[in-house]
Amino acid sequence: MGRSLRVALLSYRSKPHGGGQGVYVRALSRELRELGHRVEVLSGQPYPELDEGVPLTRVPSLDLYREPDPFRTPRPSEFRSLVDVAEWATMCTAGFPEPLTFTLRAARLLGRRTGEFDLVHDNQSLGYGLLQLRRRGLPTVATVHHPIAIDRDLELAAAAGLRKRLTLRRWYAFTAMQARVAQRLDGITTVSESSRRDIARHMGVPGSAVQVIPVGIDPDVFRPPADDAVREPASIVVTTSADVPLKGLVHLLEAVAKLRTERDVRLTVVGTARPGGPAATALDRLGLGDAVRFTGPVPTDELVRLLQTATVVAIPSLYEGFSLPAVEAMACGTPLVTTDAGALPEVVGSHAGVQVPAGDVGRLAEALQLVLDHPSLQEQLGRAGRARVLGAYTWRRTAERTAEWYAEVLDRRAATGSTGSTGEANGGTGPGTGRATGSAAC
């Protein structure tokens, strides 16, 4: 192992279950610590669950989007600073403030502790506070899982009416800030070659300045069942972190409705349907209430059980920068049916799943039926998926490559006299395009 580093790992929200940010922060911090590095996590709400030996510094926001009262009105006593006022005011005008306000709070905390860390690693908040840290002499890098401008564009394409489109553009306005900040950091990493290309296109960071480090799983936790007989016949599982067009859940519901005209099939959705959202509307329209179950967020052991007992896992996304759910399913030896969107072909390969065009409901239904009807194909896909994960997608390998990247960034910064950045050192151009989703009435 190289030198031991002191790392501040930042995450503006770290939902421990049902979202990739909390999983990434927990696993990466644990594995870096096991490699001998000292990692401290700084996070806003919801806070992550961390392993023993990894300290958490809470960076509280007004928590304006918490369940069960999102877009809430804070009490006057909750306002502690001008950053709180800005957070509230941005929400009231239909913007999403957390990437900016979290980094401003984190910069204030870390500005008093610059001598305690060798490097700051941001998990895709990409707010202007990171540039404050860099100006104070703290090398600062970030993980960009994929450009959020892609989410914006997909939601705009699905939006009905001018008012909805204007609201979405206002919500996603923070993506312009994220592009500007990404170009000025000491390093950017992402999770796939597909995301590297998208970062160059949407954020103006040259591909040569972006390090690809795939994420992974713990193969001792996500593993095949001891007995394949535990798999439930005609059981489909999908994991979705958000009820938004990007995840393609409505297309999967429509495919399940097609299958239900000829056979008994059940769908378990690891996630939540927003009241009045696209999934809930589709459920009513298709009459699938008795065939589909939403679990809400589940702990890891329950997620593993669901993957181990499923006949097939579906990934119907219209875009994925990586797809941790696909890797989790492969690790459990569960066959996949996926779309060809984003990084899915890169992550899944050609032997662990059946691939269909994104958004094609008919082809999705046919692929699910193919896998459901052929146990030998299920076994073949599952075996190939497990082997692929063991060869490429473990958290220990992610941490090793991340630590190597840290050392490269620090060496490059020392060699350039702390003046270089991702855009400057690699021919970057001006700020990327982007706007931003949601609204509030205050």
Protein backbone atom coordinates (compact mmCIF):
# COMPACT_ATOMS: atom_id res chain seq x y z
CA MET A 1 0.00 0.00 0.00
CA GLY A 2 1.15 3.57 -0.66
CA ARG A 3 1.05 6.44 1.77
CA SER A 4 -1.77 6.67 4.29
CA LEU A 5 -4.06 9.59 3.47
CA ARG A 6 -6.50 11.68 5.50
CA VAL A 7 -9.69 12.05 3.47
CA ALA A 8 -12.82 14.12 4.03
CA LEU A 9 -15.62 12.35 2.11
CA LEU A 10 -18.56 14.68 1.40
CA SER A 11 -22.15 13.73 0.53
CA TYR A 12 -24.99 16.25 0.55
CA ARG A 13 -27.51 13.49 1.24
CA SER A 14 -26.75 9.84 2.05
CA LYS A 15 -29.96 7.82 2.18
CA PRO A 16 -28.78 4.51 3.66
CA HIS A 17 -31.30 2.29 1.84
CA GLY A 18 -32.90 2.62 -1.58
CA GLY A 19 -30.40 5.10 -2.98
CA GLY A 20 -26.89 4.85 -4.38
CA GLN A 21 -25.33 7.80 -2.51
CA GLY A 22 -25.55 6.27 0.96
CA VAL A 23 -24.33 2.90 -0.32
CA TYR A 24 -21.35 4.49 -2.08
CA VAL A 25 -20.30 6.55 0.94
CA ARG A 26 -20.57 3.66 3.37
CA ALA A 27 -18.78 1.10 1.23
CA LEU A 28 -15.99 3.36 -0.02
CA SER A 29 -15.23 4.77 3.44
CA ARG A 30 -15.14 1.27 4.94
CA GLU A 31 -12.80 -0.15 2.30
CA LEU A 32 -10.48 2.88 2.34
CA ARG A 33 -10.22 2.52 6.11
CA GLU A 34 -9.39 -1.19 5.70
CA LEU A 35 -6.60 -0.16 3.33
CA GLY A 36 -5.10 2.02 6.08
CA HIS A 37 -6.47 5.47 5.19
CA ARG A 38 -8.28 7.76 7.61
CA VAL A 39 -11.69 8.75 6.29
CA GLU A 40 -14.19 11.12 7.87
CA VAL A 41 -17.63 11.43 6.28
CA LEU A 42 -19.44 14.78 6.24
CA SER A 43 -23.09 14.50 5.24
CA GLY A 44 -26.38 16.28 5.26
CA GLN A 45 -29.70 14.59 5.96
CA PRO A 46 -30.60 11.82 5.50
CA TYR A 47 -27.46 10.67 7.26
CA PRO A 48 -25.64 7.48 6.23
CA GLU A 49 -25.12 4.30 8.17
CA LEU A 50 -21.36 3.88 8.50
CA ASP A 51 -19.17 1.01 9.62
CA GLU A 52 -17.27 1.02 12.90
CA GLY A 53 -14.17 3.16 12.78
CA VAL A 54 -15.50 5.65 10.23
CA PRO A 55 -16.50 8.93 11.96
CA LEU A 56 -19.50 10.94 10.76
CA THR A 57 -19.66 14.73 11.00
CA ARG A 58 -23.24 15.85 10.55
CA VAL A 59 -23.77 18.91 8.39
CA PRO A 60 -27.44 19.66 9.10
CA SER A 61 -29.61 21.41 6.55
CA LEU A 62 -33.16 22.62 7.06
CA ASP A 63 -34.15 19.16 5.72
CA LEU A 64 -36.85 20.68 3.55
CA TYR A 65 -37.59 17.50 1.58
CA ARG A 66 -37.85 15.01 4.41
CA GLU A 67 -40.63 12.47 4.58
CA PRO A 68 -43.47 12.58 5.38
CA ASP A 69 -43.61 16.37 4.96
CA PRO A 70 -41.53 17.43 1.92
CA PHE A 71 -41.51 21.15 1.03
CA ARG A 72 -42.19 21.88 4.68
CA THR A 73 -42.23 25.28 6.36
CA PRO A 74 -39.44 25.55 8.96
CA ARG A 75 -39.99 27.19 12.32
CA PRO A 76 -38.28 30.60 12.73
CA SER A 77 -35.99 29.12 15.37
CA GLU A 78 -34.56 26.70 12.78
CA PHE A 79 -32.88 29.49 10.80
CA ARG A 80 -29.28 29.73 12.01
CA SER A 81 -27.48 31.50 9.17
CA LEU A 82 -27.83 33.25 5.84
CA VAL A 83 -27.21 29.88 4.17
CA ASP A 84 -30.42 28.63 5.81
CA VAL A 85 -32.28 31.64 4.47
CA ALA A 86 -30.90 31.02 0.98
CA GLU A 87 -31.91 27.36 1.19
CA TRP A 88 -35.48 28.26 2.13
CA ALA A 89 -35.74 31.02 -0.46
CA THR A 90 -34.51 28.74 -3.26
CA MET A 91 -37.06 26.08 -2.38
CA CYS A 92 -39.81 28.71 -2.29
CA THR A 93 -38.94 29.69 -5.86
CA ALA A 94 -39.04 26.07 -7.10
CA GLY A 95 -35.26 25.54 -7.08
CA PHE A 96 -33.24 22.73 -5.49
CA PRO A 97 -30.73 24.30 -3.09
CA GLU A 98 -29.01 21.38 -1.36
CA PRO A 99 -25.94 20.87 -3.60
CA LEU A 100 -24.99 24.53 -3.09
CA THR A 101 -25.97 25.01 0.54
CA PHE A 102 -24.38 21.73 1.70
CA THR A 103 -21.02 22.67 0.20
CA LEU A 104 -21.14 26.16 1.74
CA ARG A 105 -21.73 24.62 5.17
CA ALA A 106 -19.04 21.99 4.60
CA ALA A 107 -16.56 24.66 3.49
CA ARG A 108 -17.21 26.59 6.69
CA LEU A 109 -16.55 23.48 8.81
CA LEU A 110 -13.49 22.28 6.90
CA GLY A 111 -12.05 25.79 6.54
CA ARG A 112 -11.23 25.62 10.25
CA ARG A 113 -9.61 22.17 9.83
CA THR A 114 -7.52 22.42 6.67
CA GLY A 115 -4.47 20.94 8.38
CA GLU A 116 -6.36 17.77 9.30
CA PHE A 117 -6.90 16.46 5.76
CA ASP A 118 -4.80 15.66 2.72
CA LEU A 119 -7.75 15.71 0.34
CA VAL A 120 -11.49 16.38 0.06
CA HIS A 121 -13.59 13.94 -1.98
CA ASP A 122 -17.07 15.17 -2.90
CA ASN A 123 -19.85 12.77 -3.88
CA GLN A 124 -21.57 14.77 -6.65
CA SER A 125 -22.79 17.82 -4.77
CA LEU A 126 -20.47 19.97 -6.93
CA GLY A 127 -21.45 23.21 -5.23
CA TYR A 128 -19.49 26.46 -5.11
CA GLY A 129 -18.33 25.73 -1.55
CA LEU A 130 -15.87 23.21 -3.00
CA LEU A 131 -14.05 26.03 -4.78
CA GLN A 132 -13.68 27.80 -1.43
CA LEU A 133 -11.93 24.72 -0.08
CA ARG A 134 -9.63 24.58 -3.08
CA ARG A 135 -8.71 28.26 -2.64
CA ARG A 136 -7.82 27.51 0.97
CA GLY A 137 -5.26 24.98 -0.21
CA LEU A 138 -7.25 21.74 0.21
CA PRO A 139 -6.96 19.47 -2.83
CA THR A 140 -10.55 18.77 -3.84
CA VAL A 141 -11.89 16.05 -6.15
CA ALA A 142 -15.34 14.69 -6.92
CA THR A 143 -17.22 11.62 -8.08
CA VAL A 144 -19.77 12.32 -10.81
CA HIS A 145 -21.93 9.22 -11.20
CA HIS A 146 -23.54 10.80 -14.26
CA PRO A 147 -24.48 14.34 -15.30
CA ILE A 148 -27.83 15.31 -13.73
CA ALA A 149 -28.54 17.29 -16.90
CA ILE A 150 -29.53 13.93 -18.41
CA ASP A 151 -32.26 13.49 -15.77
CA ARG A 152 -33.42 17.00 -16.59
CA ASP A 153 -33.65 16.34 -20.30
CA LEU A 154 -35.60 13.10 -19.83
CA GLU A 155 -38.07 14.76 -17.47
CA LEU A 156 -38.50 17.70 -19.82
CA ALA A 157 -39.24 15.31 -22.68
CA ALA A 158 -41.96 13.64 -20.58
CA ALA A 159 -43.43 16.90 -19.21
CA ALA A 160 -46.87 18.04 -20.32
CA GLY A 161 -47.39 21.78 -20.63
CA LEU A 162 -45.30 24.91 -20.52
CA ARG A 163 -45.73 25.47 -16.78
CA LYS A 164 -44.37 22.03 -15.94
CA ARG A 165 -41.39 22.52 -18.24
CA LEU A 166 -40.58 25.91 -16.72
CA THR A 167 -40.81 24.43 -13.23
CA LEU A 168 -38.46 21.62 -14.19
CA ARG A 169 -35.93 24.03 -15.67
CA ARG A 170 -35.97 26.05 -12.47
CA TRP A 171 -35.53 22.95 -10.29
CA TYR A 172 -32.60 21.73 -12.36
CA ALA A 173 -30.87 25.12 -12.47
CA PHE A 174 -28.17 23.76 -10.14
CA THR A 175 -26.75 21.64 -12.98
CA ALA A 176 -25.13 24.73 -14.52
CA MET A 177 -23.28 25.30 -11.23
CA GLN A 178 -22.21 21.66 -11.13
CA ALA A 179 -20.67 21.92 -14.61
CA ARG A 180 -18.73 25.08 -13.69
CA VAL A 181 -17.43 23.56 -10.46
CA ALA A 182 -16.47 20.24 -12.05
CA GLN A 183 -14.20 22.06 -14.52
CA ARG A 184 -12.28 23.75 -11.70
CA LEU A 185 -11.59 20.85 -9.33
CA ASP A 186 -8.33 18.94 -8.98
CA GLY A 187 -9.83 15.71 -10.31
CA ILE A 188 -13.03 14.01 -11.42
CA THR A 189 -13.83 10.32 -11.30
CA THR A 190 -16.84 8.50 -12.69
CA VAL A 191 -18.16 4.97 -12.75
CA SER A 192 -18.21 4.01 -16.45
CA GLU A 193 -16.90 4.91 -19.89
CA SER A 194 -20.45 5.86 -20.82
CA SER A 195 -20.58 8.40 -18.00
CA ARG A 196 -17.15 9.74 -18.96
CA ARG A 197 -18.46 10.55 -22.44
CA ASP A 198 -21.61 12.12 -21.00
CA ILE A 199 -19.58 14.28 -18.58
CA ALA A 200 -17.57 15.64 -21.49
CA ARG A 201 -20.75 16.35 -23.45
CA HIS A 202 -22.87 17.88 -20.68
CA MET A 203 -20.31 19.33 -18.25
CA GLY A 204 -17.45 20.47 -20.45
CA VAL A 205 -14.80 18.37 -18.66
CA PRO A 206 -12.53 16.65 -21.20
CA GLY A 207 -12.71 12.87 -21.12
CA SER A 208 -8.94 12.73 -20.64
CA ALA A 209 -9.41 14.53 -17.31
CA VAL A 210 -11.93 11.99 -15.96
CA GLN A 211 -10.77 8.80 -14.24
CA VAL A 212 -13.11 5.79 -14.62
CA ILE A 213 -13.42 3.75 -11.41
CA PRO A 214 -16.41 1.39 -11.37
CA VAL A 215 -18.26 0.84 -8.11
CA GLY A 216 -19.03 -2.60 -6.73
CA ILE A 217 -20.58 -4.82 -4.12
CA ASP A 218 -19.49 -7.07 -1.28
CA PRO A 219 -19.59 -10.57 -2.83
CA ASP A 220 -19.85 -12.17 0.60
CA VAL A 221 -23.10 -10.29 1.21
CA PHE A 222 -24.59 -10.33 -2.27
CA ARG A 223 -24.27 -14.01 -3.14
CA PRO A 224 -26.36 -16.72 -4.81
CA PRO A 225 -28.82 -18.67 -2.66
CA ALA A 226 -27.57 -21.93 -1.21
CA ASP A 227 -30.40 -23.71 -2.99
CA ASP A 228 -31.82 -22.49 -6.31
CA ALA A 229 -35.14 -24.05 -5.31
CA VAL A 230 -35.81 -20.97 -3.14
CA ARG A 231 -36.48 -18.89 -6.26
CA GLU A 232 -40.14 -18.04 -6.63
CA PRO A 233 -41.63 -18.95 -10.02
CA ALA A 234 -42.76 -16.02 -12.18
CA SER A 235 -41.22 -13.50 -9.78
CA ILE A 236 -39.75 -10.29 -11.24
CA VAL A 237 -37.86 -7.79 -9.09
CA VAL A 238 -36.84 -4.24 -9.97
CA THR A 239 -34.91 -1.79 -7.78
CA THR A 240 -35.69 1.88 -8.38
CA SER A 241 -34.30 4.70 -6.29
CA ALA A 242 -36.81 7.25 -7.60
CA ASP A 243 -40.22 7.30 -9.30
CA VAL A 244 -39.02 9.34 -12.28
CA PRO A 245 -39.06 8.80 -16.07
CA LEU A 246 -35.32 8.04 -16.16
CA LYS A 247 -35.85 4.73 -14.35
CA GLY A 248 -38.32 3.40 -16.94
CA LEU A 249 -40.66 1.92 -14.35
CA VAL A 250 -43.81 2.75 -16.31
CA HIS A 251 -42.48 0.79 -19.28
CA LEU A 252 -41.88 -2.21 -17.02
CA LEU A 253 -45.41 -1.96 -15.61
CA GLU A 254 -46.78 -1.92 -19.15
CA ALA A 255 -44.68 -4.99 -20.01
CA VAL A 256 -45.97 -6.80 -16.93
CA ALA A 257 -49.53 -5.95 -17.98
CA LYS A 258 -48.83 -7.59 -21.36
CA LEU A 259 -47.48 -10.71 -19.67
CA ARG A 260 -50.48 -10.88 -17.36
CA THR A 261 -52.80 -11.42 -20.33
CA GLU A 262 -51.18 -14.84 -20.86
CA ARG A 263 -49.68 -15.95 -17.55
CA ASP A 264 -49.44 -15.35 -13.83
CA VAL A 265 -46.55 -13.04 -12.99
CA ARG A 266 -45.70 -10.91 -9.98
CA LEU A 267 -43.55 -7.79 -9.78
CA THR A 268 -41.80 -6.58 -6.64
CA VAL A 269 -40.56 -3.00 -6.79
CA VAL A 270 -37.81 -2.19 -4.29
CA GLY A 271 -38.75 1.44 -3.93
CA THR A 272 -41.71 3.73 -3.48
CA ALA A 273 -44.39 5.06 -5.81
CA ARG A 274 -45.05 8.78 -5.39
CA PRO A 275 -48.73 9.57 -4.77
CA GLY A 276 -50.03 10.82 -8.09
CA GLY A 277 -46.67 10.05 -9.73
CA PRO A 278 -46.12 8.17 -12.99
CA ALA A 279 -45.95 4.70 -11.41
CA ALA A 280 -49.11 5.14 -9.31
CA THR A 281 -50.97 6.52 -12.33
CA ALA A 282 -49.84 3.58 -14.49
CA LEU A 283 -50.86 1.06 -11.83
CA ASP A 284 -54.41 2.40 -11.84
CA ARG A 285 -54.54 2.64 -15.63
CA LEU A 286 -53.31 -0.92 -16.12
CA GLY A 287 -55.25 -2.53 -13.25
CA LEU A 288 -52.11 -4.08 -11.74
CA GLY A 289 -52.82 -3.42 -8.08
CA ASP A 290 -52.91 -7.14 -7.19
CA ALA A 291 -49.79 -8.04 -9.19
CA VAL A 292 -47.32 -5.37 -8.06
CA ARG A 293 -45.87 -4.76 -4.60
CA PHE A 294 -43.82 -1.73 -3.57
CA THR A 295 -41.54 -2.48 -0.63
CA GLY A 296 -40.27 1.02 0.12
CA PRO A 297 -36.64 1.26 1.29
CA VAL A 298 -35.33 -2.07 2.62
CA PRO A 299 -32.20 -3.01 4.60
CA THR A 300 -29.44 -4.89 2.81
CA ASP A 301 -30.33 -8.35 4.13
CA GLU A 302 -33.90 -7.99 2.84
CA LEU A 303 -32.67 -6.74 -0.53
CA VAL A 304 -30.39 -9.78 -0.80
CA ARG A 305 -33.31 -12.09 0.04
CA LEU A 306 -35.50 -10.49 -2.65
CA LEU A 307 -32.75 -10.85 -5.27
CA GLN A 308 -32.03 -14.45 -4.26
CA THR A 309 -35.70 -15.47 -4.56
CA ALA A 310 -36.46 -13.67 -7.84
CA THR A 311 -36.63 -15.55 -11.12
CA VAL A 312 -35.42 -12.48 -13.01
CA VAL A 313 -34.40 -8.90 -12.24
CA ALA A 314 -35.45 -6.16 -14.65
CA ILE A 315 -33.52 -2.94 -15.29
CA PRO A 316 -35.89 -0.93 -17.56
CA SER A 317 -34.01 2.37 -17.30
CA LEU A 318 -33.93 5.02 -20.02
CA TYR A 319 -30.45 5.94 -18.77
CA GLU A 320 -27.92 4.58 -16.28
CA GLY A 321 -24.50 5.97 -15.50
CA PHE A 322 -23.60 2.59 -13.97
CA SER A 323 -26.45 0.58 -12.32
CA LEU A 324 -25.54 -0.80 -8.93
CA PRO A 325 -28.85 -2.77 -8.89
CA ALA A 326 -27.66 -4.69 -11.95
CA VAL A 327 -24.39 -5.60 -10.24
CA GLU A 328 -26.19 -6.61 -7.04
CA ALA A 329 -28.46 -8.93 -9.02
CA MET A 330 -25.54 -10.46 -10.93
CA ALA A 331 -23.70 -11.07 -7.67
CA CYS A 332 -26.72 -13.04 -6.44
CA GLY A 333 -26.67 -15.17 -9.57
CA THR A 334 -30.00 -13.76 -10.72
CA PRO A 335 -30.56 -13.37 -14.47
CA LEU A 336 -31.13 -9.90 -15.88
CA VAL A 337 -33.33 -8.31 -18.49
CA THR A 338 -32.01 -4.82 -19.16
CA THR A 339 -32.30 -2.03 -21.67
CA ASP A 340 -29.41 -0.83 -23.81
CA ALA A 341 -29.43 2.61 -22.14
CA GLY A 342 -26.32 4.44 -20.94
CA ALA A 343 -23.72 2.21 -19.28
CA LEU A 344 -25.90 -0.92 -18.99
CA PRO A 345 -24.29 -2.77 -21.93
CA GLU A 346 -20.86 -1.88 -20.54
CA VAL A 347 -21.67 -3.03 -16.99
CA VAL A 348 -23.71 -6.16 -17.73
CA GLY A 349 -21.82 -7.36 -20.79
CA SER A 350 -23.23 -9.81 -23.31
CA HIS A 351 -23.57 -12.97 -21.20
CA ALA A 352 -25.31 -12.01 -17.93
CA GLY A 353 -28.58 -10.63 -19.28
CA VAL A 354 -30.97 -10.24 -22.17
CA GLN A 355 -30.81 -6.74 -23.62
CA VAL A 356 -33.67 -4.80 -25.25
CA PRO A 357 -34.00 -1.28 -26.70
CA ALA A 358 -34.80 1.33 -24.06
CA GLY A 359 -38.46 2.30 -24.06
CA ASP A 360 -39.61 -0.69 -26.16
CA VAL A 361 -42.39 -2.25 -24.07
CA GLY A 362 -43.05 -5.10 -26.48
CA ARG A 363 -39.42 -6.22 -26.59
CA LEU A 364 -39.18 -5.89 -22.81
CA ALA A 365 -42.21 -8.18 -22.34
CA GLU A 366 -40.79 -10.72 -24.81
CA ALA A 367 -37.41 -10.81 -23.06
CA LEU A 368 -39.00 -11.31 -19.64
CA GLN A 369 -41.13 -14.13 -21.02
CA LEU A 370 -38.07 -15.75 -22.60
CA VAL A 371 -36.20 -15.84 -19.30
CA LEU A 372 -39.23 -16.88 -17.26
CA ASP A 373 -39.90 -19.82 -19.62
CA HIS A 374 -36.37 -21.26 -19.78
CA PRO A 375 -34.73 -22.45 -16.53
CA SER A 376 -31.54 -23.39 -18.39
CA LEU A 377 -31.19 -19.81 -19.64
CA GLN A 378 -31.79 -18.54 -16.10
CA GLU A 379 -28.93 -20.71 -14.84
CA GLN A 380 -26.60 -19.68 -17.68
CA LEU A 381 -27.20 -15.94 -17.23
CA GLY A 382 -26.95 -16.14 -13.44
CA ARG A 383 -23.66 -18.04 -13.51
CA ALA A 384 -22.13 -15.59 -16.01
CA GLY A 385 -23.28 -12.60 -13.94
CA ARG A 386 -21.70 -13.87 -10.74
CA ALA A 387 -18.40 -14.52 -12.52
CA ARG A 388 -18.43 -11.04 -14.05
CA VAL A 389 -18.93 -9.37 -10.68
CA LEU A 390 -16.14 -11.32 -9.00
CA GLY A 391 -13.79 -10.29 -11.79
CA ALA A 392 -14.60 -6.59 -11.96
CA TYR A 393 -17.02 -5.17 -9.41
CA THR A 394 -15.99 -5.41 -5.75
CA TRP A 395 -15.77 -2.52 -3.30
CA ARG A 396 -12.21 -3.49 -2.34
CA ARG A 397 -11.08 -3.01 -5.93
CA THR A 398 -13.00 0.28 -6.09
CA ALA A 399 -11.19 1.52 -2.97
CA GLU A 400 -7.77 0.41 -4.23
CA ARG A 401 -8.22 2.25 -7.51
CA THR A 402 -9.61 5.31 -5.72
CA ALA A 403 -6.60 5.48 -3.39
CA GLU A 404 -4.26 5.20 -6.40
CA TRP A 405 -6.16 8.06 -8.05
CA TYR A 406 -5.86 10.19 -4.89
CA ALA A 407 -2.10 9.76 -4.98
CA GLU A 408 -1.95 10.69 -8.67
CA VAL A 409 -4.03 13.85 -8.05
CA LEU A 410 -1.82 14.93 -5.14
CA ASP A 411 1.37 14.30 -7.11
CA ARG A 412 0.02 16.24 -10.10
CA ARG A 413 -1.09 19.12 -7.88
CA ALA A 414 2.34 19.29 -6.26
CA ALA A 415 4.04 19.24 -9.65
CA THR A 416 1.89 22.06 -11.03
CA GLY A 417 2.18 24.27 -7.97
CA SER A 418 -1.52 23.82 -7.02
CA THR A 419 -2.71 25.82 -10.03
CA GLY A 420 -4.11 23.14 -12.32
CA SER A 421 -7.75 22.02 -12.56
CA THR A 422 -9.67 19.48 -14.62
CA GLY A 423 -10.64 22.03 -17.24
CA GLU A 424 -7.45 24.09 -17.29
CA ALA A 425 -4.97 21.23 -17.34
CA ASN A 426 -6.76 19.31 -20.06
CA GLY A 427 -8.04 21.91 -22.47
CA GLY A 428 -11.48 22.43 -20.96
CA THR A 429 -13.76 25.02 -22.47
CA GLY A 430 -16.46 27.14 -20.91
CA PRO A 431 -19.19 26.12 -18.49
CA GLY A 432 -21.43 23.24 -19.51
CA THR A 433 -25.09 23.68 -20.18
CA GLY A 434 -27.74 22.69 -17.71
CA ARG A 435 -30.71 23.75 -15.72
CA ALA A 436 -32.64 21.58 -13.17
CA THR A 437 -37.12 19.40 -10.91
CA GLY A 438 -40.00 19.97 -8.50
CA SER A 439 -41.70 22.94 -7.03
CA ALA A 440 -42.79 24.42 -3.77
CA ALA A 441 -45.34 26.91 -2.66
CA CYS A 442 -44.21 29.11 0.22
